[in-house]
Amino acid sequence: SSLTDVLRYNSPVVFRDYGNGGVSTAV
């Protein structure tokens, strides 16, 4: 569904995001 989910479930990066349609930034 998004690059956010690819990284969220497969890397140590966490995200502050507003859902698939919103802004998503890395922590």
mmCIF file of all heavy atoms, coordinates in Angstrom:
data_MODEL
# 
_entry.id   MODEL 
# 
loop_
_atom_site.group_PDB 
_atom_site.id 
_atom_site.type_symbol 
_atom_site.label_atom_id 
_atom_site.label_alt_id 
_atom_site.label_comp_id 
_atom_site.label_asym_id 
_atom_site.label_entity_id 
_atom_site.label_seq_id 
_atom_site.pdbx_PDB_ins_code 
_atom_site.Cartn_x 
_atom_site.Cartn_y 
_atom_site.Cartn_z 
_atom_site.occupancy 
_atom_site.B_iso_or_equiv 
_atom_site.pdbx_formal_charge 
_atom_site.auth_seq_id 
_atom_site.auth_comp_id 
_atom_site.auth_asym_id 
_atom_site.auth_atom_id 
_atom_site.pdbx_PDB_model_num 
ATOM 1   N N   . SER A 1 1  ? 0.804  -1.220 0.000  1.00 0.00 ? 1  SER A N   1 
ATOM 2   C CA  . SER A 1 1  ? 0.000  0.000  0.000  1.00 0.00 ? 1  SER A CA  1 
ATOM 3   C C   . SER A 1 1  ? 0.834  1.266  0.000  1.00 0.00 ? 1  SER A C   1 
ATOM 4   O O   . SER A 1 1  ? 0.411  2.293  -0.522 1.00 0.00 ? 1  SER A O   1 
ATOM 5   C CB  . SER A 1 1  ? -0.957 0.006  1.198  1.00 0.00 ? 1  SER A CB  1 
ATOM 6   O OG  . SER A 1 1  ? -0.230 -0.055 2.410  1.00 0.00 ? 1  SER A OG  1 
ATOM 7   N N   . SER A 1 2  ? 2.055  1.233  0.594  1.00 0.00 ? 2  SER A N   1 
ATOM 8   C CA  . SER A 1 2  ? 2.881  2.441  0.659  1.00 0.00 ? 2  SER A CA  1 
ATOM 9   C C   . SER A 1 2  ? 4.309  2.075  1.023  1.00 0.00 ? 2  SER A C   1 
ATOM 10  O O   . SER A 1 2  ? 4.577  1.011  1.607  1.00 0.00 ? 2  SER A O   1 
ATOM 11  C CB  . SER A 1 2  ? 2.325  3.425  1.698  1.00 0.00 ? 2  SER A CB  1 
ATOM 12  O OG  . SER A 1 2  ? 2.455  2.884  3.007  1.00 0.00 ? 2  SER A OG  1 
ATOM 13  N N   . LEU A 1 3  ? 5.251  2.967  0.696  1.00 0.00 ? 3  LEU A N   1 
ATOM 14  C CA  . LEU A 1 3  ? 6.625  2.780  1.119  1.00 0.00 ? 3  LEU A CA  1 
ATOM 15  C C   . LEU A 1 3  ? 6.729  2.845  2.637  1.00 0.00 ? 3  LEU A C   1 
ATOM 16  O O   . LEU A 1 3  ? 7.578  2.172  3.246  1.00 0.00 ? 3  LEU A O   1 
ATOM 17  C CB  . LEU A 1 3  ? 7.525  3.838  0.480  1.00 0.00 ? 3  LEU A CB  1 
ATOM 18  C CG  . LEU A 1 3  ? 9.019  3.766  0.821  1.00 0.00 ? 3  LEU A CG  1 
ATOM 19  C CD1 . LEU A 1 3  ? 9.610  2.411  0.428  1.00 0.00 ? 3  LEU A CD1 1 
ATOM 20  C CD2 . LEU A 1 3  ? 9.789  4.894  0.147  1.00 0.00 ? 3  LEU A CD2 1 
ATOM 21  N N   . THR A 1 4  ? 5.856  3.617  3.271  1.00 0.00 ? 4  THR A N   1 
ATOM 22  C CA  . THR A 1 4  ? 5.827  3.672  4.731  1.00 0.00 ? 4  THR A CA  1 
ATOM 23  C C   . THR A 1 4  ? 5.657  2.284  5.320  1.00 0.00 ? 4  THR A C   1 
ATOM 24  O O   . THR A 1 4  ? 6.404  1.867  6.214  1.00 0.00 ? 4  THR A O   1 
ATOM 25  C CB  . THR A 1 4  ? 4.694  4.585  5.216  1.00 0.00 ? 4  THR A CB  1 
ATOM 26  O OG1 . THR A 1 4  ? 4.932  5.920  4.769  1.00 0.00 ? 4  THR A OG1 1 
ATOM 27  C CG2 . THR A 1 4  ? 4.593  4.585  6.732  1.00 0.00 ? 4  THR A CG2 1 
ATOM 28  N N   . ASP A 1 5  ? 4.673  1.521  4.839  1.00 0.00 ? 5  ASP A N   1 
ATOM 29  C CA  . ASP A 1 5  ? 4.424  0.189  5.379  1.00 0.00 ? 5  ASP A CA  1 
ATOM 30  C C   . ASP A 1 5  ? 5.549  -0.784 5.040  1.00 0.00 ? 5  ASP A C   1 
ATOM 31  O O   . ASP A 1 5  ? 5.881  -1.662 5.837  1.00 0.00 ? 5  ASP A O   1 
ATOM 32  C CB  . ASP A 1 5  ? 3.091  -0.355 4.849  1.00 0.00 ? 5  ASP A CB  1 
ATOM 33  C CG  . ASP A 1 5  ? 1.908  0.099  5.686  1.00 0.00 ? 5  ASP A CG  1 
ATOM 34  O OD1 . ASP A 1 5  ? 2.131  0.735  6.734  1.00 0.00 ? 5  ASP A OD1 1 
ATOM 35  O OD2 . ASP A 1 5  ? 0.763  -0.158 5.292  1.00 0.00 ? 5  ASP A OD2 1 
ATOM 36  N N   . VAL A 1 6  ? 6.148  -0.647 3.851  1.00 0.00 ? 6  VAL A N   1 
ATOM 37  C CA  . VAL A 1 6  ? 7.282  -1.505 3.494  1.00 0.00 ? 6  VAL A CA  1 
ATOM 38  C C   . VAL A 1 6  ? 8.393  -1.361 4.537  1.00 0.00 ? 6  VAL A C   1 
ATOM 39  O O   . VAL A 1 6  ? 8.952  -2.348 5.028  1.00 0.00 ? 6  VAL A O   1 
ATOM 40  C CB  . VAL A 1 6  ? 7.811  -1.163 2.092  1.00 0.00 ? 6  VAL A CB  1 
ATOM 41  C CG1 . VAL A 1 6  ? 9.132  -1.877 1.827  1.00 0.00 ? 6  VAL A CG1 1 
ATOM 42  C CG2 . VAL A 1 6  ? 6.796  -1.556 1.022  1.00 0.00 ? 6  VAL A CG2 1 
ATOM 43  N N   . LEU A 1 7  ? 8.724  -0.123 4.900  1.00 0.00 ? 7  LEU A N   1 
ATOM 44  C CA  . LEU A 1 7  ? 9.791  0.120  5.857  1.00 0.00 ? 7  LEU A CA  1 
ATOM 45  C C   . LEU A 1 7  ? 9.351  -0.160 7.292  1.00 0.00 ? 7  LEU A C   1 
ATOM 46  O O   . LEU A 1 7  ? 10.129 -0.650 8.108  1.00 0.00 ? 7  LEU A O   1 
ATOM 47  C CB  . LEU A 1 7  ? 10.277 1.567  5.732  1.00 0.00 ? 7  LEU A CB  1 
ATOM 48  C CG  . LEU A 1 7  ? 10.935 1.916  4.392  1.00 0.00 ? 7  LEU A CG  1 
ATOM 49  C CD1 . LEU A 1 7  ? 11.163 3.416  4.279  1.00 0.00 ? 7  LEU A CD1 1 
ATOM 50  C CD2 . LEU A 1 7  ? 12.257 1.176  4.224  1.00 0.00 ? 7  LEU A CD2 1 
ATOM 51  N N   . ARG A 1 8  ? 8.111  0.144  7.602  1.00 0.00 ? 8  ARG A N   1 
ATOM 52  C CA  . ARG A 1 8  ? 7.625  -0.045 8.973  1.00 0.00 ? 8  ARG A CA  1 
ATOM 53  C C   . ARG A 1 8  ? 7.662  -1.513 9.389  1.00 0.00 ? 8  ARG A C   1 
ATOM 54  O O   . ARG A 1 8  ? 7.967  -1.835 10.546 1.00 0.00 ? 8  ARG A O   1 
ATOM 55  C CB  . ARG A 1 8  ? 6.195  0.500  9.068  1.00 0.00 ? 8  ARG A CB  1 
ATOM 56  C CG  . ARG A 1 8  ? 5.506  0.226  10.406 1.00 0.00 ? 8  ARG A CG  1 
ATOM 57  C CD  . ARG A 1 8  ? 4.137  0.860  10.407 1.00 0.00 ? 8  ARG A CD  1 
ATOM 58  N NE  . ARG A 1 8  ? 4.218  2.289  10.683 1.00 0.00 ? 8  ARG A NE  1 
ATOM 59  C CZ  . ARG A 1 8  ? 3.403  3.205  10.181 1.00 0.00 ? 8  ARG A CZ  1 
ATOM 60  N NH1 . ARG A 1 8  ? 2.461  2.850  9.321  1.00 0.00 ? 8  ARG A NH1 1 
ATOM 61  N NH2 . ARG A 1 8  ? 3.530  4.469  10.511 1.00 0.00 ? 8  ARG A NH2 1 
ATOM 62  N N   . TYR A 1 9  ? 7.356  -2.411 8.466  1.00 0.00 ? 9  TYR A N   1 
ATOM 63  C CA  . TYR A 1 9  ? 7.290  -3.835 8.799  1.00 0.00 ? 9  TYR A CA  1 
ATOM 64  C C   . TYR A 1 9  ? 8.583  -4.588 8.480  1.00 0.00 ? 9  TYR A C   1 
ATOM 65  O O   . TYR A 1 9  ? 8.669  -5.787 8.749  1.00 0.00 ? 9  TYR A O   1 
ATOM 66  C CB  . TYR A 1 9  ? 6.123  -4.491 8.059  1.00 0.00 ? 9  TYR A CB  1 
ATOM 67  C CG  . TYR A 1 9  ? 4.780  -4.214 8.676  1.00 0.00 ? 9  TYR A CG  1 
ATOM 68  C CD1 . TYR A 1 9  ? 3.991  -3.158 8.231  1.00 0.00 ? 9  TYR A CD1 1 
ATOM 69  C CD2 . TYR A 1 9  ? 4.304  -4.982 9.735  1.00 0.00 ? 9  TYR A CD2 1 
ATOM 70  C CE1 . TYR A 1 9  ? 2.760  -2.887 8.803  1.00 0.00 ? 9  TYR A CE1 1 
ATOM 71  C CE2 . TYR A 1 9  ? 3.074  -4.730 10.318 1.00 0.00 ? 9  TYR A CE2 1 
ATOM 72  C CZ  . TYR A 1 9  ? 2.307  -3.678 9.847  1.00 0.00 ? 9  TYR A CZ  1 
ATOM 73  O OH  . TYR A 1 9  ? 1.081  -3.408 10.428 1.00 0.00 ? 9  TYR A OH  1 
ATOM 74  N N   . ASN A 1 10 ? 9.587  -3.905 7.901  1.00 0.00 ? 10 ASN A N   1 
ATOM 75  C CA  . ASN A 1 10 ? 10.785 -4.627 7.468  1.00 0.00 ? 10 ASN A CA  1 
ATOM 76  C C   . ASN A 1 10 ? 12.091 -3.929 7.820  1.00 0.00 ? 10 ASN A C   1 
ATOM 77  O O   . ASN A 1 10 ? 13.136 -4.292 7.291  1.00 0.00 ? 10 ASN A O   1 
ATOM 78  C CB  . ASN A 1 10 ? 10.739 -4.843 5.949  1.00 0.00 ? 10 ASN A CB  1 
ATOM 79  C CG  . ASN A 1 10 ? 9.562  -5.687 5.520  1.00 0.00 ? 10 ASN A CG  1 
ATOM 80  O OD1 . ASN A 1 10 ? 9.565  -6.899 5.672  1.00 0.00 ? 10 ASN A OD1 1 
ATOM 81  N ND2 . ASN A 1 10 ? 8.531  -5.028 4.999  1.00 0.00 ? 10 ASN A ND2 1 
ATOM 82  N N   . SER A 1 11 ? 12.048 -2.946 8.708  1.00 0.00 ? 11 SER A N   1 
ATOM 83  C CA  . SER A 1 11 ? 13.262 -2.221 9.075  1.00 0.00 ? 11 SER A CA  1 
ATOM 84  C C   . SER A 1 11 ? 13.091 -1.662 10.483 1.00 0.00 ? 11 SER A C   1 
ATOM 85  O O   . SER A 1 11 ? 11.991 -1.693 11.048 1.00 0.00 ? 11 SER A O   1 
ATOM 86  C CB  . SER A 1 11 ? 13.511 -1.081 8.072  1.00 0.00 ? 11 SER A CB  1 
ATOM 87  O OG  . SER A 1 11 ? 12.716 0.051  8.376  1.00 0.00 ? 11 SER A OG  1 
ATOM 88  N N   . PRO A 1 12 ? 14.174 -1.113 11.065 1.00 0.00 ? 12 PRO A N   1 
ATOM 89  C CA  . PRO A 1 12 ? 14.051 -0.525 12.407 1.00 0.00 ? 12 PRO A CA  1 
ATOM 90  C C   . PRO A 1 12 ? 13.462 0.878  12.427 1.00 0.00 ? 12 PRO A C   1 
ATOM 91  O O   . PRO A 1 12 ? 13.308 1.469  13.494 1.00 0.00 ? 12 PRO A O   1 
ATOM 92  C CB  . PRO A 1 12 ? 15.508 -0.506 12.903 1.00 0.00 ? 12 PRO A CB  1 
ATOM 93  C CG  . PRO A 1 12 ? 16.327 -0.410 11.665 1.00 0.00 ? 12 PRO A CG  1 
ATOM 94  C CD  . PRO A 1 12 ? 15.583 -1.184 10.626 1.00 0.00 ? 12 PRO A CD  1 
ATOM 95  N N   . VAL A 1 13 ? 13.107 1.434  11.281 1.00 0.00 ? 13 VAL A N   1 
ATOM 96  C CA  . VAL A 1 13 ? 12.575 2.795  11.211 1.00 0.00 ? 13 VAL A CA  1 
ATOM 97  C C   . VAL A 1 13 ? 11.122 2.806  11.674 1.00 0.00 ? 13 VAL A C   1 
ATOM 98  O O   . VAL A 1 13 ? 10.325 1.947  11.276 1.00 0.00 ? 13 VAL A O   1 
ATOM 99  C CB  . VAL A 1 13 ? 12.668 3.352  9.779  1.00 0.00 ? 13 VAL A CB  1 
ATOM 100 C CG1 . VAL A 1 13 ? 12.246 4.822  9.750  1.00 0.00 ? 13 VAL A CG1 1 
ATOM 101 C CG2 . VAL A 1 13 ? 14.066 3.185  9.223  1.00 0.00 ? 13 VAL A CG2 1 
ATOM 102 N N   . VAL A 1 14 ? 10.760 3.772  12.515 1.00 0.00 ? 14 VAL A N   1 
ATOM 103 C CA  . VAL A 1 14 ? 9.366  3.990  12.891 1.00 0.00 ? 14 VAL A CA  1 
ATOM 104 C C   . VAL A 1 14 ? 8.889  5.285  12.247 1.00 0.00 ? 14 VAL A C   1 
ATOM 105 O O   . VAL A 1 14 ? 9.684  6.122  11.822 1.00 0.00 ? 14 VAL A O   1 
ATOM 106 C CB  . VAL A 1 14 ? 9.171  4.025  14.425 1.00 0.00 ? 14 VAL A CB  1 
ATOM 107 C CG1 . VAL A 1 14 ? 9.596  2.716  15.045 1.00 0.00 ? 14 VAL A CG1 1 
ATOM 108 C CG2 . VAL A 1 14 ? 9.944  5.170  15.048 1.00 0.00 ? 14 VAL A CG2 1 
ATOM 109 N N   . PHE A 1 15 ? 7.563  5.441  12.175 1.00 0.00 ? 15 PHE A N   1 
ATOM 110 C CA  . PHE A 1 15 ? 7.003  6.565  11.435 1.00 0.00 ? 15 PHE A CA  1 
ATOM 111 C C   . PHE A 1 15 ? 5.945  7.293  12.236 1.00 0.00 ? 15 PHE A C   1 
ATOM 112 O O   . PHE A 1 15 ? 5.172  6.694  12.978 1.00 0.00 ? 15 PHE A O   1 
ATOM 113 C CB  . PHE A 1 15 ? 6.382  6.080  10.109 1.00 0.00 ? 15 PHE A CB  1 
ATOM 114 C CG  . PHE A 1 15 ? 7.395  5.637  9.103  1.00 0.00 ? 15 PHE A CG  1 
ATOM 115 C CD1 . PHE A 1 15 ? 7.888  4.346  9.118  1.00 0.00 ? 15 PHE A CD1 1 
ATOM 116 C CD2 . PHE A 1 15 ? 7.873  6.520  8.155  1.00 0.00 ? 15 PHE A CD2 1 
ATOM 117 C CE1 . PHE A 1 15 ? 8.842  3.936  8.207  1.00 0.00 ? 15 PHE A CE1 1 
ATOM 118 C CE2 . PHE A 1 15 ? 8.821  6.129  7.243  1.00 0.00 ? 15 PHE A CE2 1 
ATOM 119 C CZ  . PHE A 1 15 ? 9.305  4.836  7.263  1.00 0.00 ? 15 PHE A CZ  1 
ATOM 120 N N   . ARG A 1 16 ? 5.934  8.594  12.042 1.00 0.00 ? 16 ARG A N   1 
ATOM 121 C CA  . ARG A 1 16 ? 4.818  9.419  12.483 1.00 0.00 ? 16 ARG A CA  1 
ATOM 122 C C   . ARG A 1 16 ? 4.016  9.739  11.234 1.00 0.00 ? 16 ARG A C   1 
ATOM 123 O O   . ARG A 1 16 ? 4.490  10.451 10.354 1.00 0.00 ? 16 ARG A O   1 
ATOM 124 C CB  . ARG A 1 16 ? 5.324  10.707 13.132 1.00 0.00 ? 16 ARG A CB  1 
ATOM 125 C CG  . ARG A 1 16 ? 4.200  11.634 13.560 1.00 0.00 ? 16 ARG A CG  1 
ATOM 126 C CD  . ARG A 1 16 ? 4.737  12.976 14.039 1.00 0.00 ? 16 ARG A CD  1 
ATOM 127 N NE  . ARG A 1 16 ? 3.658  13.861 14.407 1.00 0.00 ? 16 ARG A NE  1 
ATOM 128 C CZ  . ARG A 1 16 ? 3.806  15.143 14.740 1.00 0.00 ? 16 ARG A CZ  1 
ATOM 129 N NH1 . ARG A 1 16 ? 5.020  15.671 14.749 1.00 0.00 ? 16 ARG A NH1 1 
ATOM 130 N NH2 . ARG A 1 16 ? 2.768  15.885 15.061 1.00 0.00 ? 16 ARG A NH2 1 
ATOM 131 N N   . ASP A 1 17 ? 2.799  9.184  11.148 1.00 0.00 ? 17 ASP A N   1 
ATOM 132 C CA  . ASP A 1 17 ? 2.047  9.414  9.915  1.00 0.00 ? 17 ASP A CA  1 
ATOM 133 C C   . ASP A 1 17 ? 0.561  9.540  10.196 1.00 0.00 ? 17 ASP A C   1 
ATOM 134 O O   . ASP A 1 17 ? 0.076  9.184  11.266 1.00 0.00 ? 17 ASP A O   1 
ATOM 135 C CB  . ASP A 1 17 ? 2.327  8.293  8.903  1.00 0.00 ? 17 ASP A CB  1 
ATOM 136 C CG  . ASP A 1 17 ? 1.569  7.018  9.183  1.00 0.00 ? 17 ASP A CG  1 
ATOM 137 O OD1 . ASP A 1 17 ? 2.091  6.173  9.951  1.00 0.00 ? 17 ASP A OD1 1 
ATOM 138 O OD2 . ASP A 1 17 ? 0.473  6.859  8.651  1.00 0.00 ? 17 ASP A OD2 1 
ATOM 139 N N   . TYR A 1 18 ? -0.138 10.055 9.199  1.00 0.00 ? 18 TYR A N   1 
ATOM 140 C CA  . TYR A 1 18 ? -1.561 10.345 9.291  1.00 0.00 ? 18 TYR A CA  1 
ATOM 141 C C   . TYR A 1 18 ? -2.386 9.381  8.441  1.00 0.00 ? 18 TYR A C   1 
ATOM 142 O O   . TYR A 1 18 ? -3.460 9.719  7.976  1.00 0.00 ? 18 TYR A O   1 
ATOM 143 C CB  . TYR A 1 18 ? -1.827 11.786 8.834  1.00 0.00 ? 18 TYR A CB  1 
ATOM 144 C CG  . TYR A 1 18 ? -1.226 12.833 9.749  1.00 0.00 ? 18 TYR A CG  1 
ATOM 145 C CD1 . TYR A 1 18 ? 0.131  13.141 9.670  1.00 0.00 ? 18 TYR A CD1 1 
ATOM 146 C CD2 . TYR A 1 18 ? -1.996 13.486 10.687 1.00 0.00 ? 18 TYR A CD2 1 
ATOM 147 C CE1 . TYR A 1 18 ? 0.692  14.091 10.511 1.00 0.00 ? 18 TYR A CE1 1 
ATOM 148 C CE2 . TYR A 1 18 ? -1.443 14.446 11.532 1.00 0.00 ? 18 TYR A CE2 1 
ATOM 149 C CZ  . TYR A 1 18 ? -0.100 14.742 11.442 1.00 0.00 ? 18 TYR A CZ  1 
ATOM 150 O OH  . TYR A 1 18 ? 0.463  15.681 12.278 1.00 0.00 ? 18 TYR A OH  1 
ATOM 151 N N   . GLY A 1 19 ? -1.876 8.181  8.236  1.00 0.00 ? 19 GLY A N   1 
ATOM 152 C CA  . GLY A 1 19 ? -2.578 7.203  7.418  1.00 0.00 ? 19 GLY A CA  1 
ATOM 153 C C   . GLY A 1 19 ? -2.096 7.232  5.982  1.00 0.00 ? 19 GLY A C   1 
ATOM 154 O O   . GLY A 1 19 ? -1.277 8.071  5.587  1.00 0.00 ? 19 GLY A O   1 
ATOM 155 N N   . ASN A 1 20 ? -2.586 6.291  5.179  1.00 0.00 ? 20 ASN A N   1 
ATOM 156 C CA  . ASN A 1 20 ? -2.097 6.135  3.809  1.00 0.00 ? 20 ASN A CA  1 
ATOM 157 C C   . ASN A 1 20 ? -2.256 7.389  2.965  1.00 0.00 ? 20 ASN A C   1 
ATOM 158 O O   . ASN A 1 20 ? -1.461 7.629  2.059  1.00 0.00 ? 20 ASN A O   1 
ATOM 159 C CB  . ASN A 1 20 ? -2.807 4.964  3.128  1.00 0.00 ? 20 ASN A CB  1 
ATOM 160 C CG  . ASN A 1 20 ? -2.347 3.629  3.672  1.00 0.00 ? 20 ASN A CG  1 
ATOM 161 O OD1 . ASN A 1 20 ? -1.284 3.528  4.268  1.00 0.00 ? 20 ASN A OD1 1 
ATOM 162 N ND2 . ASN A 1 20 ? -3.163 2.605  3.485  1.00 0.00 ? 20 ASN A ND2 1 
ATOM 163 N N   . GLY A 1 21 ? -3.254 8.181  3.235  1.00 0.00 ? 21 GLY A N   1 
ATOM 164 C CA  . GLY A 1 21 ? -3.448 9.383  2.446  1.00 0.00 ? 21 GLY A CA  1 
ATOM 165 C C   . GLY A 1 21 ? -2.779 10.613 3.023  1.00 0.00 ? 21 GLY A C   1 
ATOM 166 O O   . GLY A 1 21 ? -2.757 11.663 2.381  1.00 0.00 ? 21 GLY A O   1 
ATOM 167 N N   . GLY A 1 22 ? -2.222 10.501 4.231  1.00 0.00 ? 22 GLY A N   1 
ATOM 168 C CA  . GLY A 1 22 ? -1.646 11.659 4.894  1.00 0.00 ? 22 GLY A CA  1 
ATOM 169 C C   . GLY A 1 22 ? -0.144 11.717 4.777  1.00 0.00 ? 22 GLY A C   1 
ATOM 170 O O   . GLY A 1 22 ? 0.501  10.915 4.098  1.00 0.00 ? 22 GLY A O   1 
ATOM 171 N N   . VAL A 1 23 ? 0.441  12.680 5.459  1.00 0.00 ? 23 VAL A N   1 
ATOM 172 C CA  . VAL A 1 23 ? 1.888  12.854 5.464  1.00 0.00 ? 23 VAL A CA  1 
ATOM 173 C C   . VAL A 1 23 ? 2.521  11.810 6.377  1.00 0.00 ? 23 VAL A C   1 
ATOM 174 O O   . VAL A 1 23 ? 1.995  11.488 7.440  1.00 0.00 ? 23 VAL A O   1 
ATOM 175 C CB  . VAL A 1 23 ? 2.258  14.275 5.943  1.00 0.00 ? 23 VAL A CB  1 
ATOM 176 C CG1 . VAL A 1 23 ? 3.762  14.439 6.058  1.00 0.00 ? 23 VAL A CG1 1 
ATOM 177 C CG2 . VAL A 1 23 ? 1.676  15.306 4.987  1.00 0.00 ? 23 VAL A CG2 1 
ATOM 178 N N   . SER A 1 24 ? 3.670  11.268 5.971  1.00 0.00 ? 24 SER A N   1 
ATOM 179 C CA  . SER A 1 24 ? 4.364  10.246 6.744  1.00 0.00 ? 24 SER A CA  1 
ATOM 180 C C   . SER A 1 24 ? 5.849  10.586 6.799  1.00 0.00 ? 24 SER A C   1 
ATOM 181 O O   . SER A 1 24 ? 6.505  10.712 5.762  1.00 0.00 ? 24 SER A O   1 
ATOM 182 C CB  . SER A 1 24 ? 4.166  8.869  6.113  1.00 0.00 ? 24 SER A CB  1 
ATOM 183 O OG  . SER A 1 24 ? 4.947  7.890  6.763  1.00 0.00 ? 24 SER A OG  1 
ATOM 184 N N   . THR A 1 25 ? 6.396  10.745 8.022  1.00 0.00 ? 25 THR A N   1 
ATOM 185 C CA  . THR A 1 25 ? 7.815  11.082 8.179  1.00 0.00 ? 25 THR A CA  1 
ATOM 186 C C   . THR A 1 25 ? 8.484  10.075 9.111  1.00 0.00 ? 25 THR A C   1 
ATOM 187 O O   . THR A 1 25 ? 7.843  9.474  9.970  1.00 0.00 ? 25 THR A O   1 
ATOM 188 C CB  . THR A 1 25 ? 7.981  12.505 8.741  1.00 0.00 ? 25 THR A CB  1 
ATOM 189 O OG1 . THR A 1 25 ? 7.243  12.630 9.952  1.00 0.00 ? 25 THR A OG1 1 
ATOM 190 C CG2 . THR A 1 25 ? 7.480  13.533 7.733  1.00 0.00 ? 25 THR A CG2 1 
ATOM 191 N N   . ALA A 1 26 ? 9.805  9.927  8.936  1.00 0.00 ? 26 ALA A N   1 
ATOM 192 C CA  . ALA A 1 26 ? 10.550 8.864  9.609  1.00 0.00 ? 26 ALA A CA  1 
ATOM 193 C C   . ALA A 1 26 ? 11.130 9.319  10.938 1.00 0.00 ? 26 ALA A C   1 
ATOM 194 O O   . ALA A 1 26 ? 11.494 10.484 11.118 1.00 0.00 ? 26 ALA A O   1 
ATOM 195 C CB  . ALA A 1 26 ? 11.670 8.373  8.703  1.00 0.00 ? 26 ALA A CB  1 
ATOM 196 N N   . VAL A 1 27 ? 11.228 8.373  11.868 1.00 0.00 ? 27 VAL A N   1 
ATOM 197 C CA  . VAL A 1 27 ? 11.938 8.549  13.137 1.00 0.00 ? 27 VAL A CA  1 
ATOM 198 C C   . VAL A 1 27 ? 12.968 7.431  13.187 1.00 0.00 ? 27 VAL A C   1 
ATOM 199 O O   . VAL A 1 27 ? 12.638 6.272  13.415 1.00 0.00 ? 27 VAL A O   1 
ATOM 200 C CB  . VAL A 1 27 ? 10.989 8.468  14.345 1.00 0.00 ? 27 VAL A CB  1 
ATOM 201 C CG1 . VAL A 1 27 ? 11.760 8.612  15.649 1.00 0.00 ? 27 VAL A CG1 1 
ATOM 202 C CG2 . VAL A 1 27 ? 9.892  9.518  14.245 1.00 0.00 ? 27 VAL A CG2 1 
# 
